[in-house]
Amino acid sequence: VGVMIGTGKYKQVTVITYLMAAVFILRYILDL
């Protein structure tokens, strides 16, 4: 997700992939 956003290809990323990446980032931030 980070690479696709950074290279301007964010429209090619599916909603499920965005959601999972966000959840994993949140898990690391909250140390869950």
PDB file of all heavy atoms in Angstrom:
ATOM      1  N   VAL A   1       0.833  -1.210   0.000  1.00  0.00           N
ATOM      2  CA  VAL A   1       0.000   0.000   0.000  1.00  0.00           C
ATOM      3  C   VAL A   1       0.861   1.251   0.000  1.00  0.00           C
ATOM      4  O   VAL A   1       0.593   2.217  -0.742  1.00  0.00           O
ATOM      5  CB  VAL A   1      -0.949   0.003   1.220  1.00  0.00           C
ATOM      6  CG1 VAL A   1      -1.647   1.356   1.352  1.00  0.00           C
ATOM      7  CG2 VAL A   1      -1.982  -1.107   1.087  1.00  0.00           C
ATOM      8  N   GLY A   2       1.924   1.249   0.800  1.00  0.00           N
ATOM      9  CA  GLY A   2       2.808   2.426   0.864  1.00  0.00           C
ATOM     10  C   GLY A   2       3.450   2.732  -0.472  1.00  0.00           C
ATOM     11  O   GLY A   2       3.500   3.895  -0.902  1.00  0.00           O
ATOM     12  N   VAL A   3       3.930   1.700  -1.155  1.00  0.00           N
ATOM     13  CA  VAL A   3       4.585   1.883  -2.449  1.00  0.00           C
ATOM     14  C   VAL A   3       3.580   2.332  -3.511  1.00  0.00           C
ATOM     15  O   VAL A   3       3.875   3.240  -4.314  1.00  0.00           O
ATOM     16  CB  VAL A   3       5.277   0.575  -2.893  1.00  0.00           C
ATOM     17  CG1 VAL A   3       5.761   0.684  -4.341  1.00  0.00           C
ATOM     18  CG2 VAL A   3       6.451   0.264  -1.981  1.00  0.00           C
ATOM     19  N   MET A   4       2.398   1.751  -3.504  1.00  0.00           N
ATOM     20  CA  MET A   4       1.387   2.111  -4.505  1.00  0.00           C
ATOM     21  C   MET A   4       0.916   3.555  -4.326  1.00  0.00           C
ATOM     22  O   MET A   4       0.695   4.268  -5.302  1.00  0.00           O
ATOM     23  CB  MET A   4       0.203   1.146  -4.433  1.00  0.00           C
ATOM     24  CG  MET A   4       0.553  -0.288  -4.811  1.00  0.00           C
ATOM     25  SD  MET A   4       1.212  -0.478  -6.483  1.00  0.00           S
ATOM     26  CE  MET A   4      -0.316  -0.437  -7.426  1.00  0.00           C
ATOM     27  N   ILE A   5       0.770   3.985  -3.080  1.00  0.00           N
ATOM     28  CA  ILE A   5       0.379   5.386  -2.828  1.00  0.00           C
ATOM     29  C   ILE A   5       1.498   6.315  -3.248  1.00  0.00           C
ATOM     30  O   ILE A   5       1.279   7.344  -3.902  1.00  0.00           O
ATOM     31  CB  ILE A   5       0.023   5.588  -1.340  1.00  0.00           C
ATOM     32  CG1 ILE A   5      -1.262   4.833  -0.988  1.00  0.00           C
ATOM     33  CG2 ILE A   5      -0.124   7.075  -1.025  1.00  0.00           C
ATOM     34  CD1 ILE A   5      -1.631   4.911   0.483  1.00  0.00           C
ATOM     35  N   GLY A   6       2.732   5.961  -2.853  1.00  0.00           N
ATOM     36  CA  GLY A   6       3.885   6.814  -3.147  1.00  0.00           C
ATOM     37  C   GLY A   6       4.172   6.968  -4.622  1.00  0.00           C
ATOM     38  O   GLY A   6       4.728   7.988  -5.054  1.00  0.00           O
ATOM     39  N   THR A   7       3.782   5.989  -5.426  1.00  0.00           N
ATOM     40  CA  THR A   7       4.033   6.047  -6.871  1.00  0.00           C
ATOM     41  C   THR A   7       2.797   6.488  -7.656  1.00  0.00           C
ATOM     42  O   THR A   7       2.774   6.424  -8.881  1.00  0.00           O
ATOM     43  CB  THR A   7       4.499   4.666  -7.392  1.00  0.00           C
ATOM     44  OG1 THR A   7       3.533   3.662  -7.030  1.00  0.00           O
ATOM     45  CG2 THR A   7       5.850   4.300  -6.811  1.00  0.00           C
ATOM     46  N   GLY A   8       1.773   6.929  -6.937  1.00  0.00           N
ATOM     47  CA  GLY A   8       0.577   7.445  -7.599  1.00  0.00           C
ATOM     48  C   GLY A   8      -0.340   6.387  -8.180  1.00  0.00           C
ATOM     49  O   GLY A   8      -1.211   6.688  -9.009  1.00  0.00           O
ATOM     50  N   LYS A   9      -0.169   5.132  -7.764  1.00  0.00           N
ATOM     51  CA  LYS A   9      -1.002   4.046  -8.291  1.00  0.00           C
ATOM     52  C   LYS A   9      -2.046   3.604  -7.267  1.00  0.00           C
ATOM     53  O   LYS A   9      -2.480   2.448  -7.277  1.00  0.00           O
ATOM     54  CB  LYS A   9      -0.115   2.855  -8.688  1.00  0.00           C
ATOM     55  CG  LYS A   9       0.908   3.189  -9.764  1.00  0.00           C
ATOM     56  CD  LYS A   9       1.781   1.972 -10.085  1.00  0.00           C
ATOM     57  CE  LYS A   9       2.810   2.294 -11.148  1.00  0.00           C
ATOM     58  NZ  LYS A   9       3.695   1.126 -11.445  1.00  0.00           N
ATOM     59  N   TYR A  10      -2.451   4.528  -6.424  1.00  0.00           N
ATOM     60  CA  TYR A  10      -3.342   4.189  -5.317  1.00  0.00           C
ATOM     61  C   TYR A  10      -4.711   3.682  -5.785  1.00  0.00           C
ATOM     62  O   TYR A  10      -5.396   2.957  -5.053  1.00  0.00           O
ATOM     63  CB  TYR A  10      -3.519   5.402  -4.401  1.00  0.00           C
ATOM     64  CG  TYR A  10      -3.999   6.644  -5.108  1.00  0.00           C
ATOM     65  CD1 TYR A  10      -5.360   6.913  -5.257  1.00  0.00           C
ATOM     66  CD2 TYR A  10      -3.083   7.562  -5.617  1.00  0.00           C
ATOM     67  CE1 TYR A  10      -5.801   8.051  -5.905  1.00  0.00           C
ATOM     68  CE2 TYR A  10      -3.512   8.710  -6.278  1.00  0.00           C
ATOM     69  CZ  TYR A  10      -4.866   8.947  -6.415  1.00  0.00           C
ATOM     70  OH  TYR A  10      -5.302  10.080  -7.072  1.00  0.00           O
ATOM     71  N   LYS A  11      -5.115   4.033  -7.005  1.00  0.00           N
ATOM     72  CA  LYS A  11      -6.416   3.580  -7.498  1.00  0.00           C
ATOM     73  C   LYS A  11      -6.417   2.083  -7.832  1.00  0.00           C
ATOM     74  O   LYS A  11      -7.473   1.474  -7.969  1.00  0.00           O
ATOM     75  CB  LYS A  11      -6.817   4.380  -8.737  1.00  0.00           C
ATOM     76  CG  LYS A  11      -7.147   5.840  -8.453  1.00  0.00           C
ATOM     77  CD  LYS A  11      -7.627   6.552  -9.707  1.00  0.00           C
ATOM     78  CE  LYS A  11      -7.993   8.000  -9.413  1.00  0.00           C
ATOM     79  NZ  LYS A  11      -8.460   8.710 -10.635  1.00  0.00           N
ATOM     80  N   GLN A  12      -5.236   1.507  -7.971  1.00  0.00           N
ATOM     81  CA  GLN A  12      -5.133   0.087  -8.306  1.00  0.00           C
ATOM     82  C   GLN A  12      -5.237  -0.813  -7.070  1.00  0.00           C
ATOM     83  O   GLN A  12      -5.322  -2.035  -7.186  1.00  0.00           O
ATOM     84  CB  GLN A  12      -3.810  -0.195  -9.021  1.00  0.00           C
ATOM     85  CG  GLN A  12      -3.652   0.550 -10.341  1.00  0.00           C
ATOM     86  CD  GLN A  12      -2.311   0.260 -10.997  1.00  0.00           C
ATOM     87  OE1 GLN A  12      -1.676  -0.753 -10.745  1.00  0.00           O
ATOM     88  NE2 GLN A  12      -1.881   1.175 -11.873  1.00  0.00           N
ATOM     89  N   VAL A  13      -5.224  -0.181  -5.893  1.00  0.00           N
ATOM     90  CA  VAL A  13      -5.282  -0.932  -4.637  1.00  0.00           C
ATOM     91  C   VAL A  13      -6.734  -1.158  -4.247  1.00  0.00           C
ATOM     92  O   VAL A  13      -7.554  -0.231  -4.276  1.00  0.00           O
ATOM     93  CB  VAL A  13      -4.543  -0.179  -3.508  1.00  0.00           C
ATOM     94  CG1 VAL A  13      -4.564  -0.990  -2.210  1.00  0.00           C
ATOM     95  CG2 VAL A  13      -3.109   0.123  -3.926  1.00  0.00           C
ATOM     96  N   THR A  14      -7.080  -2.374  -3.887  1.00  0.00           N
ATOM     97  CA  THR A  14      -8.460  -2.697  -3.514  1.00  0.00           C
ATOM     98  C   THR A  14      -8.778  -2.211  -2.104  1.00  0.00           C
ATOM     99  O   THR A  14      -7.881  -1.967  -1.290  1.00  0.00           O
ATOM    100  CB  THR A  14      -8.699  -4.218  -3.565  1.00  0.00           C
ATOM    101  OG1 THR A  14      -7.864  -4.863  -2.594  1.00  0.00           O
ATOM    102  CG2 THR A  14      -8.405  -4.765  -4.941  1.00  0.00           C
ATOM    103  N   VAL A  15     -10.061  -2.093  -1.839  1.00  0.00           N
ATOM    104  CA  VAL A  15     -10.511  -1.643  -0.519  1.00  0.00           C
ATOM    105  C   VAL A  15     -10.051  -2.595   0.578  1.00  0.00           C
ATOM    106  O   VAL A  15      -9.617  -2.175   1.654  1.00  0.00           O
ATOM    107  CB  VAL A  15     -12.050  -1.509  -0.491  1.00  0.00           C
ATOM    108  CG1 VAL A  15     -12.530  -1.173   0.919  1.00  0.00           C
ATOM    109  CG2 VAL A  15     -12.520  -0.450  -1.483  1.00  0.00           C
ATOM    110  N   ILE A  16     -10.140  -3.886   0.310  1.00  0.00           N
ATOM    111  CA  ILE A  16      -9.722  -4.885   1.305  1.00  0.00           C
ATOM    112  C   ILE A  16      -8.249  -4.735   1.648  1.00  0.00           C
ATOM    113  O   ILE A  16      -7.850  -4.816   2.814  1.00  0.00           O
ATOM    114  CB  ILE A  16     -10.018  -6.309   0.784  1.00  0.00           C
ATOM    115  CG1 ILE A  16     -11.531  -6.544   0.733  1.00  0.00           C
ATOM    116  CG2 ILE A  16      -9.346  -7.370   1.664  1.00  0.00           C
ATOM    117  CD1 ILE A  16     -11.925  -7.904   0.179  1.00  0.00           C
ATOM    118  N   THR A  17      -7.424  -4.487   0.625  1.00  0.00           N
ATOM    119  CA  THR A  17      -5.984  -4.329   0.863  1.00  0.00           C
ATOM    120  C   THR A  17      -5.713  -3.076   1.677  1.00  0.00           C
ATOM    121  O   THR A  17      -4.884  -3.089   2.604  1.00  0.00           O
ATOM    122  CB  THR A  17      -5.229  -4.271  -0.478  1.00  0.00           C
ATOM    123  OG1 THR A  17      -5.524  -5.447  -1.243  1.00  0.00           O
ATOM    124  CG2 THR A  17      -3.731  -4.193  -0.249  1.00  0.00           C
ATOM    125  N   TYR A  18      -6.391  -1.966   1.349  1.00  0.00           N
ATOM    126  CA  TYR A  18      -6.253  -0.736   2.140  1.00  0.00           C
ATOM    127  C   TYR A  18      -6.649  -0.990   3.597  1.00  0.00           C
ATOM    128  O   TYR A  18      -5.964  -0.557   4.532  1.00  0.00           O
ATOM    129  CB  TYR A  18      -7.143   0.374   1.574  1.00  0.00           C
ATOM    130  CG  TYR A  18      -6.503   1.217   0.502  1.00  0.00           C
ATOM    131  CD1 TYR A  18      -7.112   1.376  -0.747  1.00  0.00           C
ATOM    132  CD2 TYR A  18      -5.305   1.878   0.755  1.00  0.00           C
ATOM    133  CE1 TYR A  18      -6.533   2.164  -1.733  1.00  0.00           C
ATOM    134  CE2 TYR A  18      -4.720   2.670  -0.232  1.00  0.00           C
ATOM    135  CZ  TYR A  18      -5.331   2.805  -1.465  1.00  0.00           C
ATOM    136  OH  TYR A  18      -4.756   3.581  -2.429  1.00  0.00           O
ATOM    137  N   LEU A  19      -7.762  -1.673   3.773  1.00  0.00           N
ATOM    138  CA  LEU A  19      -8.280  -1.926   5.112  1.00  0.00           C
ATOM    139  C   LEU A  19      -7.297  -2.755   5.936  1.00  0.00           C
ATOM    140  O   LEU A  19      -7.012  -2.420   7.097  1.00  0.00           O
ATOM    141  CB  LEU A  19      -9.622  -2.647   5.015  1.00  0.00           C
ATOM    142  CG  LEU A  19     -10.295  -3.018   6.348  1.00  0.00           C
ATOM    143  CD1 LEU A  19     -10.589  -1.761   7.154  1.00  0.00           C
ATOM    144  CD2 LEU A  19     -11.578  -3.804   6.099  1.00  0.00           C
ATOM    145  N   MET A  20      -6.760  -3.803   5.346  1.00  0.00           N
ATOM    146  CA  MET A  20      -5.830  -4.662   6.077  1.00  0.00           C
ATOM    147  C   MET A  20      -4.550  -3.920   6.420  1.00  0.00           C
ATOM    148  O   MET A  20      -4.019  -4.056   7.537  1.00  0.00           O
ATOM    149  CB  MET A  20      -5.508  -5.915   5.262  1.00  0.00           C
ATOM    150  CG  MET A  20      -6.679  -6.878   5.082  1.00  0.00           C
ATOM    151  SD  MET A  20      -7.560  -7.237   6.645  1.00  0.00           S
ATOM    152  CE  MET A  20      -6.216  -7.773   7.699  1.00  0.00           C
ATOM    153  N   ALA A  21      -4.030  -3.132   5.496  1.00  0.00           N
ATOM    154  CA  ALA A  21      -2.819  -2.364   5.782  1.00  0.00           C
ATOM    155  C   ALA A  21      -3.056  -1.385   6.935  1.00  0.00           C
ATOM    156  O   ALA A  21      -2.219  -1.242   7.829  1.00  0.00           O
ATOM    157  CB  ALA A  21      -2.375  -1.613   4.526  1.00  0.00           C
ATOM    158  N   ALA A  22      -4.227  -0.725   6.927  1.00  0.00           N
ATOM    159  CA  ALA A  22      -4.560   0.228   7.980  1.00  0.00           C
ATOM    160  C   ALA A  22      -4.667  -0.452   9.338  1.00  0.00           C
ATOM    161  O   ALA A  22      -4.174   0.059  10.358  1.00  0.00           O
ATOM    162  CB  ALA A  22      -5.876   0.944   7.649  1.00  0.00           C
ATOM    163  N   VAL A  23      -5.293  -1.602   9.342  1.00  0.00           N
ATOM    164  CA  VAL A  23      -5.452  -2.350  10.601  1.00  0.00           C
ATOM    165  C   VAL A  23      -4.100  -2.788  11.134  1.00  0.00           C
ATOM    166  O   VAL A  23      -3.836  -2.705  12.345  1.00  0.00           O
ATOM    167  CB  VAL A  23      -6.376  -3.572  10.381  1.00  0.00           C
ATOM    168  CG1 VAL A  23      -6.364  -4.472  11.614  1.00  0.00           C
ATOM    169  CG2 VAL A  23      -7.796  -3.113  10.087  1.00  0.00           C
ATOM    170  N   PHE A  24      -3.213  -3.250  10.267  1.00  0.00           N
ATOM    171  CA  PHE A  24      -1.888  -3.685  10.711  1.00  0.00           C
ATOM    172  C   PHE A  24      -1.062  -2.511  11.230  1.00  0.00           C
ATOM    173  O   PHE A  24      -0.330  -2.630  12.220  1.00  0.00           O
ATOM    174  CB  PHE A  24      -1.142  -4.380   9.569  1.00  0.00           C
ATOM    175  CG  PHE A  24      -1.594  -5.799   9.339  1.00  0.00           C
ATOM    176  CD1 PHE A  24      -2.007  -6.219   8.075  1.00  0.00           C
ATOM    177  CD2 PHE A  24      -1.606  -6.725  10.375  1.00  0.00           C
ATOM    178  CE1 PHE A  24      -2.423  -7.521   7.857  1.00  0.00           C
ATOM    179  CE2 PHE A  24      -2.025  -8.034  10.169  1.00  0.00           C
ATOM    180  CZ  PHE A  24      -2.435  -8.422   8.908  1.00  0.00           C
ATOM    181  N   ILE A  25      -1.177  -1.344  10.559  1.00  0.00           N
ATOM    182  CA  ILE A  25      -0.469  -0.152  11.038  1.00  0.00           C
ATOM    183  C   ILE A  25      -0.980   0.236  12.417  1.00  0.00           C
ATOM    184  O   ILE A  25      -0.191   0.553  13.327  1.00  0.00           O
ATOM    185  CB  ILE A  25      -0.653   1.017  10.046  1.00  0.00           C
ATOM    186  CG1 ILE A  25       0.098   0.724   8.746  1.00  0.00           C
ATOM    187  CG2 ILE A  25      -0.152   2.326  10.671  1.00  0.00           C
ATOM    188  CD1 ILE A  25      -0.169   1.733   7.642  1.00  0.00           C
ATOM    189  N   LEU A  26      -2.281   0.196  12.592  1.00  0.00           N
ATOM    190  CA  LEU A  26      -2.879   0.520  13.887  1.00  0.00           C
ATOM    191  C   LEU A  26      -2.421  -0.460  14.967  1.00  0.00           C
ATOM    192  O   LEU A  26      -2.163  -0.080  16.100  1.00  0.00           O
ATOM    193  CB  LEU A  26      -4.407   0.495  13.768  1.00  0.00           C
ATOM    194  CG  LEU A  26      -5.196   0.920  15.009  1.00  0.00           C
ATOM    195  CD1 LEU A  26      -4.885   2.377  15.351  1.00  0.00           C
ATOM    196  CD2 LEU A  26      -6.683   0.735  14.773  1.00  0.00           C
ATOM    197  N   ARG A  27      -2.301  -1.731  14.573  1.00  0.00           N
ATOM    198  CA  ARG A  27      -1.839  -2.729  15.537  1.00  0.00           C
ATOM    199  C   ARG A  27      -0.431  -2.418  16.026  1.00  0.00           C
ATOM    200  O   ARG A  27      -0.114  -2.533  17.213  1.00  0.00           O
ATOM    201  CB  ARG A  27      -1.846  -4.130  14.891  1.00  0.00           C
ATOM    202  CG  ARG A  27      -1.631  -5.242  15.887  1.00  0.00           C
ATOM    203  CD  ARG A  27      -1.199  -6.532  15.215  1.00  0.00           C
ATOM    204  NE  ARG A  27       0.207  -6.503  14.832  1.00  0.00           N
ATOM    205  CZ  ARG A  27       0.887  -7.551  14.365  1.00  0.00           C
ATOM    206  NH1 ARG A  27       0.255  -8.690  14.170  1.00  0.00           N
ATOM    207  NH2 ARG A  27       2.143  -7.458  14.057  1.00  0.00           N
ATOM    208  N   TYR A  28       0.435  -1.997  15.101  1.00  0.00           N
ATOM    209  CA  TYR A  28       1.817  -1.656  15.497  1.00  0.00           C
ATOM    210  C   TYR A  28       1.853  -0.405  16.367  1.00  0.00           C
ATOM    211  O   TYR A  28       2.604  -0.316  17.347  1.00  0.00           O
ATOM    212  CB  TYR A  28       2.685  -1.465  14.257  1.00  0.00           C
ATOM    213  CG  TYR A  28       3.086  -2.762  13.579  1.00  0.00           C
ATOM    214  CD1 TYR A  28       2.826  -2.960  12.225  1.00  0.00           C
ATOM    215  CD2 TYR A  28       3.681  -3.792  14.296  1.00  0.00           C
ATOM    216  CE1 TYR A  28       3.189  -4.143  11.591  1.00  0.00           C
ATOM    217  CE2 TYR A  28       4.044  -4.991  13.682  1.00  0.00           C
ATOM    218  CZ  TYR A  28       3.794  -5.152  12.337  1.00  0.00           C
ATOM    219  OH  TYR A  28       4.138  -6.327  11.728  1.00  0.00           O
ATOM    220  N   ILE A  29       1.023   0.586  16.013  1.00  0.00           N
ATOM    221  CA  ILE A  29       1.007   1.840  16.788  1.00  0.00           C
ATOM    222  C   ILE A  29       0.530   1.592  18.216  1.00  0.00           C
ATOM    223  O   ILE A  29       1.108   2.095  19.185  1.00  0.00           O
ATOM    224  CB  ILE A  29       0.087   2.886  16.094  1.00  0.00           C
ATOM    225  CG1 ILE A  29       0.688   3.319  14.768  1.00  0.00           C
ATOM    226  CG2 ILE A  29      -0.125   4.094  17.017  1.00  0.00           C
ATOM    227  CD1 ILE A  29      -0.204   4.240  13.967  1.00  0.00           C
ATOM    228  N   LEU A  30      -0.498   0.784  18.342  1.00  0.00           N
ATOM    229  CA  LEU A  30      -1.074   0.503  19.663  1.00  0.00           C
ATOM    230  C   LEU A  30      -0.409  -0.693  20.357  1.00  0.00           C
ATOM    231  O   LEU A  30      -0.748  -1.030  21.493  1.00  0.00           O
ATOM    232  CB  LEU A  30      -2.573   0.240  19.536  1.00  0.00           C
ATOM    233  CG  LEU A  30      -3.413   1.390  18.962  1.00  0.00           C
ATOM    234  CD1 LEU A  30      -4.877   0.980  18.865  1.00  0.00           C
ATOM    235  CD2 LEU A  30      -3.257   2.642  19.817  1.00  0.00           C
ATOM    236  N   ASP A  31       0.533  -1.323  19.620  1.00  0.00           N
ATOM    237  CA  ASP A  31       1.257  -2.499  20.152  1.00  0.00           C
ATOM    238  C   ASP A  31       0.273  -3.582  20.591  1.00  0.00           C
ATOM    239  O   ASP A  31       0.361  -4.140  21.698  1.00  0.00           O
ATOM    240  CB  ASP A  31       2.148  -2.105  21.327  1.00  0.00           C
ATOM    241  CG  ASP A  31       3.188  -3.194  21.647  1.00  0.00           C
ATOM    242  OD1 ASP A  31       3.510  -3.974  20.741  1.00  0.00           O
ATOM    243  OD2 ASP A  31       3.631  -3.262  22.812  1.00  0.00           O
ATOM    244  N   LEU A  32      -0.697  -3.883  19.732  1.00  0.00           N
ATOM    245  CA  LEU A  32      -1.728  -4.879  20.041  1.00  0.00           C
ATOM    246  C   LEU A  32      -1.249  -6.269  19.650  1.00  0.00           C
ATOM    247  O   LEU A  32      -1.639  -6.844  18.638  1.00  0.00           O
ATOM    248  CB  LEU A  32      -3.028  -4.545  19.298  1.00  0.00           C
ATOM    249  CG  LEU A  32      -3.687  -3.232  19.673  1.00  0.00           C
ATOM    250  CD1 LEU A  32      -4.910  -2.991  18.808  1.00  0.00           C
ATOM    251  CD2 LEU A  32      -4.079  -3.241  21.149  1.00  0.00           C
TER     252      LEU A  32
END
